[in-house]
Amino acid sequence: MLKRSLQYLLSSPQKRRQVTREQQFDLDKVLHEVDHNRQHRIRLSEKRDFLDKRIKDLEPWGEFTLPDLADLNHERLWFYLVPNYKIQDVEQSHLPWTVVHRDNRHAYVVAIAEQEPQASIMPVPRTHTGHIPLNQLKEQLEDAEIQLEAVEAEREALTRWIFLLQQSVASTEDKALLDDISDQTQNYNELFALQGWVSVRDSAQLEAFAENKGLVLLLDDPIDSENPPTLLKNSIAVGGGQEVVSFFQTPNYRSWDPSRVVFFSFVSFFAIIMSDVGYSLLFGAILAWYWKSMARSESGRRLRAMGVALTGAGVFWGALVGSYFGASAPISALGQLKVFDLNDFDSMMALSVSIGALHLILANLVMAWVRRSSNQALSSVGWAVSVGSALMGWLTDFTMTHWVVFGLGLTLVLLFSTPAKGFGVARLISGLLALANVTKIFGDVLSYLRLFALGLASASLAITFNQLAADVGDALPGIGFLLHILILLAGHLLNFVLTVVSGVIHGLRLNLIEFYNWSLADEGYPFQPFSKQEVTPWIT
C-alpha cells in the first residue's frame, strides 16, 4: 500500500512544496487519506466516463422523458439509430416500430416490446438511453466533474508528503535488506563475522577501513562452485550499451561485458536503418530539447551520450548514401560524399550480409575467449571459421579452398561441442546435434538483411512523400503550395516516427537475439551494494 500510494502521488500532474519534518507526519493517516482519495477518484472517473458516453448516445435523440410503464401496458421503448440503407431490414423485424426522425444518414427508430429484442432481429445494436432525461444527465456530469476537480485538488495537496513517503519506502527496504544481510553473518559471543561480495576496485578501500577499525579481513577469489554477482562498469560515453544490456540480460560473472559491442553495433544499425541526414538531425534536435532533463540521473546521462552517437552516426551514414529528407544533397560539396546507392540492391545486400556475418564471427570469437579454459572454445572458433569462409566464398565465388576451410570449421564444431573429455559416441552425438545449428546461423546472418530493407523503405517513403507533395503543388496553383507544405510535414513526420521505432526495435533485436545467442551462454544477477538508501527532497 505504501508504494502504491507513493506512485499515485508521483503521477499527479501538479505537486506541492515538500514537507521534510517528520514531526508533522502521521504515516497511517496519510496512507488512509491517499487511498481514500485514489478510490474516490476512480469511482468519479468511472461515473464521468459513463455519463459522457450516455450523453453522447442520447444527444442525437434530443430532450425527452420516457412515459410510465403503466401507460404503455408495461411495454418498453427501444431506440435504434439505423442507417438509411438498412431501414428495409427493420421492416422485416415484425416488431411494432416507428421512425421519429430522419436525416441524410440515419433513421431514428423506436420499437415497442416487453423485453429487449434479440440482437439478430435489428440491423444495428440498440442505443442505451436509460430512463434519465438528457438535461439531468448533463447536470450529473457537471456535478461529477466538479467533484473530480475537488478530488484532484486534494490529491495535489497530498503530494506535499511525497518526500516523507519516499523516506518511509527507503526505510522499509533498508530494513528488509538488513534482515537479508543478517543471514550472512555469524555472532559468537564477542565474535562477529560477516561474509559478502566486494568489487576488486573497492577492495583497497575496504582494507583501509578494516585496518583503521582493527578488524580481521580475509579476501579470497571466488571458487568454481560459487556464482558471484555481476558488476558492470562503463564510462558515461559508452554507458548506454550497459543500460541496454542490463535491461535485457545481466551476463554471468564468468562471461564477458558486451556493453561496448552492443553500444557501437546498435549505433551502427540504427544509422543504417535511418539512412537520412535530415532525420538524424531531427533526432538530434529532439535530444537537445531533453538534454537538461536527461542529466538528472546517471542512466539519463548514459542514454544521452548514446543519443549523441546515434545522431552523429546517422548524419555520417546519411551523407554516405546521399539522402537529405529523401532528396539529394542541397549543395554539391555534400553530394560528393555519396558513396553508396540504396537502389543498388546487390551491393547493399552484400553489405548487410557482410555486417551480419562479421557480427556473428565476433560473437563466436568472444565466446571462444570465454571458454578458453575448455575444449569447447574450439567449437566457437569452428563456427567463426565456417561463417568467415562461407562469406568470402559468397563474395568472391566459391573455390575448393573455401569449401575445405568451411568443412574444417564444421569439423571443430562436431568434435568439440561438449565439455566432456575423451572421444566416444556421446561426443559424436553432441557434435551432430550442434551441427544442426548450421541452418540457425545461416538464418541469423540473413536476418541482418533487415538493415538494408528498412533503410531502403525509409528512403523510399521519403522520396514518395516528396514526389506526392510536388505533384499536388503543381496540380493546384495557390492552395497547392499550402497542401505541398502539409504533405511534406505530415509525411516526413510519419516516416521519421516509423524509422526511429524500426531503428530501435530491430537494432536491439539484432544485438539481443542474434548476437547474444552466439556470444553469451549463461545469465547472471546484478551486484547490489549494501548501503542505506538516501532520499533527496525536491521542491516544485
Protein backbone atom coordinates (compact mmCIF):
# COMPACT_ATOMS: atom_id res chain seq x y z
CA MET A 1 0.00 0.00 0.00
CA LEU A 2 2.92 2.33 0.74
CA LYS A 3 4.45 2.03 -2.74
CA ARG A 4 1.04 2.21 -4.42
CA SER A 5 0.21 5.44 -2.58
CA LEU A 6 3.61 6.92 -3.43
CA GLN A 7 3.24 6.03 -7.12
CA TYR A 8 -0.26 7.55 -7.13
CA LEU A 9 1.05 10.86 -5.80
CA LEU A 10 4.08 10.86 -8.09
CA SER A 11 1.78 10.56 -11.11
CA SER A 12 -0.04 13.74 -10.13
CA PRO A 13 0.47 16.43 -12.82
CA GLN A 14 1.00 19.16 -10.21
CA LYS A 15 2.92 18.78 -6.96
CA ARG A 16 3.22 20.92 -3.85
CA ARG A 17 6.25 22.01 -1.84
CA GLN A 18 7.57 19.07 0.17
CA VAL A 19 7.28 18.69 3.93
CA THR A 20 10.62 17.47 5.33
CA ARG A 21 9.93 17.49 9.09
CA GLU A 22 8.71 14.18 10.40
CA GLN A 23 7.03 15.78 13.40
CA GLN A 24 4.15 16.77 11.11
CA PHE A 25 3.89 13.34 9.51
CA ASP A 26 1.43 10.60 10.50
CA LEU A 27 2.10 7.72 8.11
CA ASP A 28 -1.09 5.75 8.77
CA LYS A 29 -3.26 8.84 8.45
CA VAL A 30 -1.58 9.95 5.20
CA LEU A 31 -1.84 6.47 3.68
CA HIS A 32 -5.54 6.33 4.60
CA GLU A 33 -6.19 9.74 3.04
CA VAL A 34 -4.26 8.87 -0.12
CA ASP A 35 -6.03 5.54 -0.55
CA HIS A 36 -9.44 7.13 0.07
CA ASN A 37 -8.63 9.84 -2.48
CA ARG A 38 -7.47 7.28 -5.03
CA GLN A 39 -10.58 5.12 -4.71
CA HIS A 40 -12.87 8.16 -4.77
CA ARG A 41 -11.11 9.42 -7.89
CA ILE A 42 -11.55 6.03 -9.59
CA ARG A 43 -15.27 5.98 -8.82
CA LEU A 44 -15.77 9.54 -10.03
CA SER A 45 -13.74 8.90 -13.20
CA GLU A 46 -15.84 5.84 -13.99
CA LYS A 47 -19.03 7.80 -13.32
CA ARG A 48 -17.89 10.68 -15.52
CA ASP A 49 -16.96 8.33 -18.37
CA PHE A 50 -20.30 6.54 -18.09
CA LEU A 51 -22.27 9.79 -18.13
CA ASP A 52 -20.24 11.15 -21.01
CA LYS A 53 -20.93 8.01 -23.06
CA ARG A 54 -24.63 8.02 -22.15
CA ILE A 55 -24.98 11.70 -23.12
CA LYS A 56 -23.27 11.11 -26.48
CA ASP A 57 -25.68 8.24 -27.17
CA LEU A 58 -28.70 10.28 -26.13
CA GLU A 59 -27.90 13.64 -27.74
CA PRO A 60 -28.98 12.64 -31.27
CA TRP A 61 -32.45 11.85 -29.86
CA GLY A 62 -32.87 15.19 -28.16
CA GLU A 63 -34.65 16.02 -24.91
CA PHE A 64 -37.50 13.68 -23.91
CA THR A 65 -38.94 11.89 -20.90
CA LEU A 66 -39.99 8.24 -21.01
CA PRO A 67 -43.64 7.52 -20.10
CA ASP A 68 -44.53 5.30 -17.16
CA LEU A 69 -44.67 1.57 -17.84
CA ALA A 70 -48.35 1.55 -16.86
CA ASP A 71 -49.12 3.99 -19.67
CA LEU A 72 -47.59 1.55 -22.18
CA ASN A 73 -49.23 -1.57 -20.74
CA HIS A 74 -45.83 -2.49 -19.29
CA GLU A 75 -44.23 -2.43 -22.71
CA ARG A 76 -40.87 -0.71 -23.14
CA LEU A 77 -39.37 1.58 -25.78
CA TRP A 78 -36.17 0.50 -27.52
CA PHE A 79 -34.13 3.00 -29.52
CA TYR A 80 -32.10 2.28 -32.67
CA LEU A 81 -30.00 4.61 -34.82
CA VAL A 82 -30.36 2.88 -38.17
CA PRO A 83 -28.52 3.88 -41.35
CA ASN A 84 -30.98 4.74 -44.08
CA TYR A 85 -29.80 1.95 -46.34
CA LYS A 86 -30.64 -0.65 -43.61
CA ILE A 87 -34.19 0.51 -42.96
CA GLN A 88 -35.57 -2.36 -45.03
CA ASP A 89 -34.04 -4.76 -42.50
CA VAL A 90 -36.13 -3.09 -39.80
CA GLU A 91 -39.27 -3.62 -41.88
CA GLN A 92 -38.59 -7.37 -41.78
CA SER A 93 -38.24 -7.45 -37.97
CA HIS A 94 -42.01 -7.97 -37.30
CA LEU A 95 -41.79 -5.55 -34.36
CA PRO A 96 -44.02 -2.54 -33.72
CA TRP A 97 -41.77 0.37 -34.63
CA THR A 98 -41.81 3.89 -35.95
CA VAL A 99 -39.36 6.44 -37.33
CA VAL A 100 -39.45 9.51 -35.10
CA HIS A 101 -36.83 11.44 -37.11
CA ARG A 102 -34.73 11.04 -40.21
CA ASP A 103 -31.68 12.90 -41.52
CA ASN A 104 -29.48 12.37 -44.56
CA ARG A 105 -27.64 9.47 -42.88
CA HIS A 106 -29.81 7.83 -40.23
CA ALA A 107 -33.36 6.93 -39.34
CA TYR A 108 -34.24 7.28 -35.65
CA VAL A 109 -36.27 4.14 -34.96
CA VAL A 110 -38.23 3.40 -31.79
CA ALA A 111 -39.56 -0.14 -31.27
CA ILE A 112 -42.04 -1.33 -28.64
CA ALA A 113 -41.55 -4.66 -26.86
CA GLU A 114 -41.81 -6.01 -23.33
CA GLN A 115 -38.29 -7.49 -23.48
CA GLU A 116 -35.27 -6.26 -25.39
CA PRO A 117 -35.38 -7.63 -28.96
CA GLN A 118 -32.68 -10.11 -29.84
CA ALA A 119 -29.61 -8.61 -31.46
CA SER A 120 -30.18 -10.66 -34.63
CA ILE A 121 -33.61 -9.09 -35.22
CA MET A 122 -32.44 -5.49 -35.68
CA PRO A 123 -29.65 -4.49 -38.11
CA VAL A 124 -27.78 -2.38 -35.52
CA PRO A 125 -27.20 -2.55 -31.73
CA ARG A 126 -29.68 -0.56 -29.71
CA THR A 127 -28.85 2.85 -28.29
CA HIS A 128 -28.60 2.81 -24.49
CA THR A 129 -30.62 5.84 -23.45
CA GLY A 130 -31.55 4.89 -19.91
CA HIS A 131 -34.53 6.38 -18.11
CA ILE A 132 -32.89 9.66 -17.05
CA PRO A 133 -33.57 12.67 -19.31
CA LEU A 134 -30.73 14.37 -21.16
CA ASN A 135 -30.81 17.56 -19.08
CA GLN A 136 -30.47 15.60 -15.83
CA LEU A 137 -27.58 13.58 -17.26
CA LYS A 138 -25.77 16.80 -18.11
CA GLU A 139 -26.35 18.09 -14.60
CA GLN A 140 -24.97 14.87 -13.14
CA LEU A 141 -21.95 15.09 -15.44
CA GLU A 142 -21.27 18.65 -14.32
CA ASP A 143 -21.54 17.61 -10.67
CA ALA A 144 -19.19 14.66 -11.26
CA GLU A 145 -16.60 16.86 -12.97
CA ILE A 146 -16.77 19.41 -10.13
CA GLN A 147 -16.28 16.64 -7.57
CA LEU A 148 -13.44 15.21 -9.64
CA GLU A 149 -11.72 18.59 -9.69
CA ALA A 150 -12.04 18.74 -5.89
CA VAL A 151 -10.53 15.26 -5.60
CA GLU A 152 -7.66 16.26 -7.91
CA ALA A 153 -7.07 19.33 -5.74
CA GLU A 154 -7.00 17.11 -2.65
CA ARG A 155 -4.57 14.77 -4.42
CA GLU A 156 -2.34 17.72 -5.29
CA ALA A 157 -2.40 18.81 -1.64
CA LEU A 158 -1.38 15.31 -0.56
CA THR A 159 1.69 15.44 -2.81
CA ARG A 160 3.39 17.52 -0.11
CA TRP A 161 4.07 14.17 1.67
CA ILE A 162 5.94 12.56 -1.24
CA PHE A 163 9.40 13.05 0.26
CA LEU A 164 8.43 11.58 3.63
CA LEU A 165 6.67 8.68 1.90
CA GLN A 166 9.84 8.06 -0.10
CA GLN A 167 11.77 8.04 3.15
CA SER A 168 9.32 5.51 4.56
CA VAL A 169 9.75 3.29 1.48
CA ALA A 170 13.52 3.59 1.77
CA SER A 171 13.41 2.73 5.47
CA THR A 172 11.25 -0.31 4.79
CA GLU A 173 13.57 -1.54 2.04
CA ASP A 174 16.63 -0.83 4.20
CA LYS A 175 15.16 -2.97 6.98
CA ALA A 176 14.35 -5.80 4.55
CA LEU A 177 17.87 -5.66 3.10
CA LEU A 178 19.38 -5.58 6.59
CA ASP A 179 17.37 -8.66 7.55
CA ASP A 180 18.61 -10.41 4.42
CA ILE A 181 22.23 -9.46 5.09
CA SER A 182 21.88 -10.66 8.69
CA ASP A 183 21.53 -14.18 7.31
CA GLN A 184 25.11 -13.87 6.04
CA THR A 185 26.53 -13.10 9.48
CA GLN A 186 27.68 -15.19 12.43
CA ASN A 187 27.68 -13.97 16.03
CA TYR A 188 29.56 -15.98 18.68
CA ASN A 189 29.55 -14.08 21.94
CA GLU A 190 32.02 -11.25 21.29
CA LEU A 191 33.00 -12.52 17.83
CA PHE A 192 31.07 -11.18 14.85
CA ALA A 193 31.70 -12.37 11.27
CA LEU A 194 30.25 -11.05 8.02
CA GLN A 195 30.58 -12.62 4.57
CA GLY A 196 29.80 -10.92 1.26
CA TRP A 197 30.99 -9.90 -2.18
CA VAL A 198 33.07 -6.81 -2.85
CA SER A 199 34.33 -5.33 -6.11
CA VAL A 200 38.07 -5.65 -6.73
CA ARG A 201 38.30 -1.91 -7.31
CA ASP A 202 36.80 -1.31 -3.84
CA SER A 203 38.98 -3.84 -2.00
CA ALA A 204 41.68 -1.28 -1.18
CA GLN A 205 39.11 0.98 0.48
CA LEU A 206 37.76 -2.00 2.45
CA GLU A 207 41.28 -2.93 3.58
CA ALA A 208 41.87 0.62 4.79
CA PHE A 209 38.59 0.55 6.70
CA ALA A 210 39.44 -2.79 8.34
CA GLU A 211 42.89 -1.58 9.34
CA ASN A 212 41.50 1.64 10.77
CA LYS A 213 38.87 -0.20 12.83
CA GLY A 214 41.12 -3.06 13.87
CA LEU A 215 39.11 -5.69 12.02
CA VAL A 216 40.24 -9.01 10.58
CA LEU A 217 39.73 -9.03 6.79
CA LEU A 218 40.08 -12.05 4.54
CA LEU A 219 39.82 -11.54 0.78
CA ASP A 220 39.51 -14.64 -1.41
CA ASP A 221 38.88 -15.10 -5.10
CA PRO A 222 35.60 -16.93 -5.87
CA ILE A 223 35.95 -20.64 -6.39
CA ASP A 224 34.50 -22.51 -9.36
CA SER A 225 31.44 -23.74 -7.46
CA GLU A 226 30.44 -20.19 -6.45
CA ASN A 227 28.32 -17.86 -8.54
CA PRO A 228 29.26 -14.26 -7.73
CA PRO A 229 27.09 -11.32 -8.83
CA THR A 230 28.00 -9.31 -11.91
CA LEU A 231 29.11 -5.69 -11.63
CA LEU A 232 29.15 -3.84 -14.96
CA LYS A 233 31.15 -0.63 -15.01
CA ASN A 234 31.42 1.53 -18.12
CA SER A 235 32.10 5.19 -18.75
CA ILE A 236 29.30 7.63 -19.47
CA ALA A 237 30.42 7.79 -23.12
CA VAL A 238 29.57 4.14 -23.84
CA GLY A 239 27.36 3.52 -20.81
CA GLY A 240 24.25 3.47 -22.98
CA GLY A 241 25.27 -0.02 -24.05
CA GLN A 242 25.32 -1.07 -20.40
CA GLU A 243 21.79 0.28 -19.93
CA VAL A 244 20.61 -1.86 -22.84
CA VAL A 245 22.48 -4.94 -21.60
CA SER A 246 21.21 -4.55 -18.02
CA PHE A 247 17.63 -4.12 -19.23
CA PHE A 248 17.72 -7.30 -21.29
CA GLN A 249 20.03 -9.77 -19.54
CA THR A 250 22.79 -9.50 -16.96
CA PRO A 251 25.83 -11.51 -18.15
CA ASN A 252 27.19 -14.25 -15.92
CA TYR A 253 30.15 -13.33 -13.71
CA ARG A 254 32.47 -15.63 -15.68
CA SER A 255 31.24 -14.42 -19.04
CA TRP A 256 32.10 -11.00 -20.51
CA ASP A 257 30.68 -7.50 -20.64
CA PRO A 258 29.03 -6.92 -24.06
CA SER A 259 28.16 -3.29 -23.29
CA ARG A 260 30.72 -1.70 -25.62
CA VAL A 261 30.00 -4.05 -28.51
CA VAL A 262 26.25 -3.54 -28.11
CA PHE A 263 26.79 0.23 -27.97
CA PHE A 264 28.72 0.50 -31.23
CA SER A 265 26.74 -2.13 -33.12
CA PHE A 266 23.39 -0.64 -32.06
CA VAL A 267 24.54 2.84 -33.10
CA SER A 268 25.67 1.47 -36.46
CA PHE A 269 22.47 -0.49 -37.08
CA PHE A 270 20.30 2.46 -36.11
CA ALA A 271 22.19 4.73 -38.52
CA ILE A 272 21.83 2.27 -41.40
CA ILE A 273 18.09 1.93 -40.79
CA MET A 274 17.72 5.73 -40.53
CA SER A 275 19.75 6.34 -43.73
CA ASP A 276 18.97 10.06 -43.86
CA VAL A 277 20.86 13.17 -42.76
CA GLY A 278 17.67 15.19 -42.21
CA TYR A 279 16.01 12.60 -39.99
CA SER A 280 19.22 12.19 -37.99
CA LEU A 281 19.44 15.94 -37.40
CA LEU A 282 15.77 15.98 -36.36
CA PHE A 283 16.54 13.18 -33.90
CA GLY A 284 19.43 15.27 -32.58
CA ALA A 285 17.13 18.28 -32.18
CA ILE A 286 14.72 16.23 -30.06
CA LEU A 287 17.68 15.04 -27.99
CA ALA A 288 18.79 18.64 -27.47
CA TRP A 289 15.27 19.54 -26.27
CA TYR A 290 15.50 16.91 -23.50
CA TRP A 291 19.22 17.45 -22.85
CA LYS A 292 18.92 19.04 -19.41
CA SER A 293 16.16 16.76 -18.14
CA MET A 294 18.20 13.68 -19.07
CA ALA A 295 21.10 14.94 -16.94
CA ARG A 296 19.18 14.30 -13.69
CA SER A 297 20.18 10.64 -13.50
CA GLU A 298 23.18 8.54 -14.44
CA SER A 299 21.03 6.41 -16.76
CA GLY A 300 19.79 9.58 -18.46
CA ARG A 301 23.34 10.82 -19.00
CA ARG A 302 24.37 7.48 -20.47
CA LEU A 303 21.41 7.37 -22.84
CA ARG A 304 22.07 11.00 -23.75
CA ALA A 305 25.61 10.11 -24.78
CA MET A 306 24.22 7.24 -26.84
CA GLY A 307 21.79 9.69 -28.46
CA VAL A 308 24.70 11.89 -29.50
CA ALA A 309 26.39 8.87 -31.05
CA LEU A 310 23.17 7.88 -32.83
CA THR A 311 22.84 11.39 -34.26
CA GLY A 312 26.45 11.56 -35.41
CA ALA A 313 26.42 8.09 -36.95
CA GLY A 314 23.08 8.81 -38.65
CA VAL A 315 24.42 12.03 -40.19
CA PHE A 316 27.59 10.27 -41.34
CA TRP A 317 25.79 7.32 -42.94
CA GLY A 318 23.08 9.57 -44.39
CA ALA A 319 25.79 11.59 -46.12
CA LEU A 320 27.36 8.39 -47.48
CA VAL A 321 24.04 7.33 -49.05
CA GLY A 322 23.25 10.92 -50.11
CA SER A 323 19.78 11.25 -48.55
CA TYR A 324 18.54 14.56 -47.08
CA PHE A 325 14.84 14.20 -46.20
CA GLY A 326 14.60 11.92 -49.21
CA ALA A 327 16.17 14.47 -51.55
CA SER A 328 19.67 14.78 -52.94
CA ALA A 329 22.35 16.88 -51.29
CA PRO A 330 21.42 20.59 -51.11
CA ILE A 331 24.96 21.62 -52.11
CA SER A 332 27.39 19.94 -54.48
CA ALA A 333 30.10 19.58 -51.84
CA LEU A 334 27.84 17.30 -49.79
CA GLY A 335 26.87 15.38 -52.90
CA GLN A 336 30.50 14.37 -53.36
CA LEU A 337 30.33 12.48 -50.06
CA LYS A 338 27.87 9.96 -51.51
CA VAL A 339 29.49 6.55 -51.72
CA PHE A 340 26.60 4.06 -51.51
CA ASP A 341 23.41 3.85 -53.54
CA LEU A 342 20.44 2.39 -51.68
CA ASN A 343 18.91 1.40 -55.00
CA ASP A 344 21.92 -0.80 -55.80
CA PHE A 345 20.30 -3.90 -54.37
CA ASP A 346 23.23 -6.27 -54.95
CA SER A 347 25.77 -4.04 -53.20
CA MET A 348 23.52 -3.19 -50.27
CA MET A 349 22.54 -6.83 -49.76
CA ALA A 350 26.20 -7.81 -49.80
CA LEU A 351 26.96 -5.08 -47.26
CA SER A 352 24.13 -6.17 -44.93
CA VAL A 353 25.07 -9.84 -45.08
CA SER A 354 28.73 -8.99 -44.51
CA ILE A 355 27.83 -6.92 -41.44
CA GLY A 356 25.76 -9.81 -40.09
CA ALA A 357 28.47 -12.40 -40.74
CA LEU A 358 31.17 -10.25 -39.12
CA HIS A 359 28.92 -9.56 -36.15
CA LEU A 360 28.36 -13.27 -35.55
CA ILE A 361 32.04 -14.07 -36.16
CA LEU A 362 32.86 -11.59 -33.40
CA ALA A 363 30.23 -13.20 -31.16
CA ASN A 364 31.77 -16.66 -31.61
CA LEU A 365 35.34 -15.42 -31.12
CA VAL A 366 34.30 -13.76 -27.87
CA MET A 367 32.60 -16.97 -26.79
CA ALA A 368 35.81 -18.85 -27.62
CA TRP A 369 37.73 -16.47 -25.34
CA VAL A 370 35.21 -17.00 -22.55
CA ARG A 371 35.64 -20.78 -22.96
CA ARG A 372 39.42 -20.53 -23.32
CA SER A 373 39.98 -22.99 -20.47
CA SER A 374 37.77 -25.62 -22.14
CA ASN A 375 37.94 -27.57 -25.39
CA GLN A 376 34.53 -26.06 -26.23
CA ALA A 377 36.40 -22.91 -27.27
CA LEU A 378 37.38 -24.75 -30.45
CA SER A 379 33.70 -25.23 -31.27
CA SER A 380 33.13 -21.47 -31.23
CA VAL A 381 36.28 -20.99 -33.31
CA GLY A 382 34.87 -23.55 -35.75
CA TRP A 383 31.65 -21.55 -36.16
CA ALA A 384 33.64 -18.35 -36.73
CA VAL A 385 35.85 -20.05 -39.34
CA SER A 386 32.85 -21.58 -41.13
CA VAL A 387 30.93 -18.29 -41.30
CA GLY A 388 34.02 -16.40 -42.47
CA SER A 389 34.79 -18.96 -45.16
CA ALA A 390 31.18 -19.01 -46.37
CA LEU A 391 31.12 -15.21 -46.51
CA MET A 392 34.34 -14.98 -48.53
CA GLY A 393 33.15 -17.71 -50.86
CA TRP A 394 29.82 -15.94 -51.44
CA LEU A 395 31.50 -12.60 -52.13
CA THR A 396 34.28 -13.92 -54.40
CA ASP A 397 32.74 -17.14 -55.81
CA PHE A 398 33.35 -20.41 -54.03
CA THR A 399 36.55 -22.33 -54.63
CA MET A 400 37.81 -25.62 -53.25
CA THR A 401 39.76 -23.67 -50.60
CA HIS A 402 36.60 -22.09 -49.30
CA TRP A 403 34.85 -25.44 -49.02
CA VAL A 404 37.84 -27.05 -47.30
CA VAL A 405 38.05 -24.27 -44.70
CA PHE A 406 34.29 -24.41 -44.25
CA GLY A 407 34.49 -28.16 -43.65
CA LEU A 408 37.36 -27.77 -41.17
CA GLY A 409 35.29 -25.29 -39.19
CA LEU A 410 32.32 -27.66 -39.03
CA THR A 411 34.69 -30.47 -38.01
CA LEU A 412 35.74 -28.42 -34.99
CA VAL A 413 32.07 -27.96 -34.17
CA LEU A 414 31.47 -31.70 -34.49
CA LEU A 415 34.36 -32.68 -32.24
CA PHE A 416 34.38 -30.01 -29.54
CA SER A 417 30.76 -29.04 -28.84
CA THR A 418 30.73 -30.85 -25.50
CA PRO A 419 32.85 -30.18 -22.40
CA ALA A 420 33.18 -33.94 -21.81
CA LYS A 421 36.66 -35.38 -22.21
CA GLY A 422 37.58 -38.28 -24.45
CA PHE A 423 36.21 -39.28 -27.83
CA GLY A 424 33.20 -41.53 -27.92
CA VAL A 425 29.61 -41.92 -29.01
CA ALA A 426 28.38 -39.25 -26.60
CA ARG A 427 30.78 -36.67 -28.06
CA LEU A 428 29.74 -37.62 -31.58
CA ILE A 429 26.04 -37.31 -30.81
CA SER A 430 26.59 -33.95 -29.11
CA GLY A 431 28.54 -32.75 -32.16
CA LEU A 432 25.84 -33.87 -34.59
CA LEU A 433 23.21 -32.03 -32.57
CA ALA A 434 25.40 -28.90 -32.61
CA LEU A 435 25.80 -29.16 -36.38
CA ALA A 436 22.03 -28.81 -36.67
CA ASN A 437 22.63 -25.14 -35.83
CA VAL A 438 24.03 -24.63 -39.33
CA THR A 439 20.58 -23.62 -40.50
CA LYS A 440 20.18 -21.39 -37.45
CA ILE A 441 23.39 -19.43 -38.01
CA PHE A 442 22.54 -19.16 -41.71
CA GLY A 443 19.15 -17.70 -40.82
CA ASP A 444 20.73 -15.37 -38.26
CA VAL A 445 23.12 -13.97 -40.88
CA LEU A 446 20.27 -13.43 -43.33
CA SER A 447 18.34 -11.68 -40.56
CA TYR A 448 20.72 -8.74 -40.97
CA LEU A 449 19.16 -8.08 -44.38
CA ARG A 450 16.57 -6.12 -42.41
CA LEU A 451 19.17 -3.33 -42.19
CA PHE A 452 19.08 -2.86 -45.96
CA ALA A 453 15.33 -3.46 -46.24
CA LEU A 454 14.38 -0.93 -43.54
CA GLY A 455 16.89 1.65 -44.77
CA LEU A 456 15.53 1.32 -48.30
CA ALA A 457 11.94 1.53 -47.03
CA SER A 458 12.70 4.73 -45.11
CA ALA A 459 14.40 6.36 -48.09
CA SER A 460 11.65 5.24 -50.49
CA LEU A 461 8.89 6.65 -48.29
CA ALA A 462 10.71 9.96 -48.01
CA ILE A 463 11.07 10.16 -51.80
CA THR A 464 7.40 9.21 -52.26
CA PHE A 465 6.19 11.97 -49.93
CA ASN A 466 8.41 14.49 -51.70
CA GLN A 467 7.05 13.49 -55.11
CA LEU A 468 3.44 13.47 -53.86
CA ALA A 469 3.83 16.95 -52.39
CA ALA A 470 5.39 18.24 -55.61
CA ASP A 471 2.61 16.75 -57.77
CA VAL A 472 -0.13 18.29 -55.61
CA GLY A 473 1.64 21.66 -55.59
CA ASP A 474 1.91 21.69 -59.37
CA ALA A 475 -1.66 20.50 -59.95
CA LEU A 476 -3.34 23.07 -57.68
CA PRO A 477 -1.95 26.61 -58.07
CA GLY A 478 -2.41 28.77 -54.98
CA ILE A 479 -3.77 26.36 -52.39
CA GLY A 480 -1.43 23.73 -53.79
CA PHE A 481 1.50 25.40 -52.02
CA LEU A 482 -0.22 25.00 -48.66
CA LEU A 483 -1.06 21.37 -49.41
CA HIS A 484 2.53 20.88 -50.55
CA ILE A 485 3.82 22.03 -47.14
CA LEU A 486 1.24 19.99 -45.22
CA ILE A 487 2.03 16.79 -47.11
CA LEU A 488 5.75 17.28 -46.53
CA LEU A 489 5.29 17.89 -42.80
CA ALA A 490 2.81 15.06 -42.20
CA GLY A 491 4.59 12.59 -44.46
CA HIS A 492 8.08 13.14 -43.15
CA LEU A 493 6.89 13.22 -39.53
CA LEU A 494 5.17 9.86 -40.01
CA ASN A 495 8.20 8.42 -41.78
CA PHE A 496 10.52 9.75 -39.07
CA VAL A 497 8.48 8.10 -36.30
CA LEU A 498 8.35 4.78 -38.18
CA THR A 499 12.08 4.95 -38.87
CA VAL A 500 13.02 5.66 -35.25
CA VAL A 501 10.75 2.87 -34.00
CA SER A 502 12.21 0.46 -36.56
CA GLY A 503 15.75 1.51 -35.71
CA VAL A 504 15.25 0.93 -32.00
CA ILE A 505 13.34 -2.35 -32.27
CA HIS A 506 15.42 -4.02 -34.97
CA GLY A 507 18.72 -2.52 -33.82
CA LEU A 508 18.16 -4.04 -30.39
CA ARG A 509 16.81 -7.27 -31.82
CA LEU A 510 19.97 -7.96 -33.84
CA ASN A 511 22.09 -7.40 -30.74
CA LEU A 512 19.97 -9.05 -28.10
CA ILE A 513 18.78 -12.06 -30.07
CA GLU A 514 21.12 -12.91 -32.97
CA PHE A 515 24.33 -11.66 -31.32
CA TYR A 516 23.53 -12.84 -27.79
CA ASN A 517 22.66 -16.35 -29.00
CA TRP A 518 26.27 -16.87 -30.09
CA SER A 519 28.20 -14.82 -27.53
CA LEU A 520 26.52 -15.35 -24.13
CA ALA A 521 25.80 -18.73 -22.60
CA ASP A 522 24.72 -18.13 -19.02
CA GLU A 523 22.73 -15.41 -17.32
CA GLY A 524 23.91 -13.79 -14.10
CA TYR A 525 22.45 -11.46 -11.50
CA PRO A 526 23.47 -7.85 -10.82
CA PHE A 527 25.64 -6.82 -7.89
CA GLN A 528 23.67 -4.78 -5.35
CA PRO A 529 25.87 -2.94 -2.84
CA PHE A 530 24.70 -2.97 0.76
CA SER A 531 24.01 0.67 1.51
CA LYS A 532 21.42 2.83 3.13
CA GLN A 533 19.08 4.45 0.66
CA GLU A 534 19.09 8.21 0.59
CA VAL A 535 16.17 10.39 -0.50
CA THR A 536 16.81 13.95 -1.66
CA PRO A 537 13.92 16.39 -1.20
CA TRP A 538 12.84 18.35 -4.23
CA ILE A 539 10.70 21.45 -4.44
CA THR A 540 8.20 22.32 -7.15
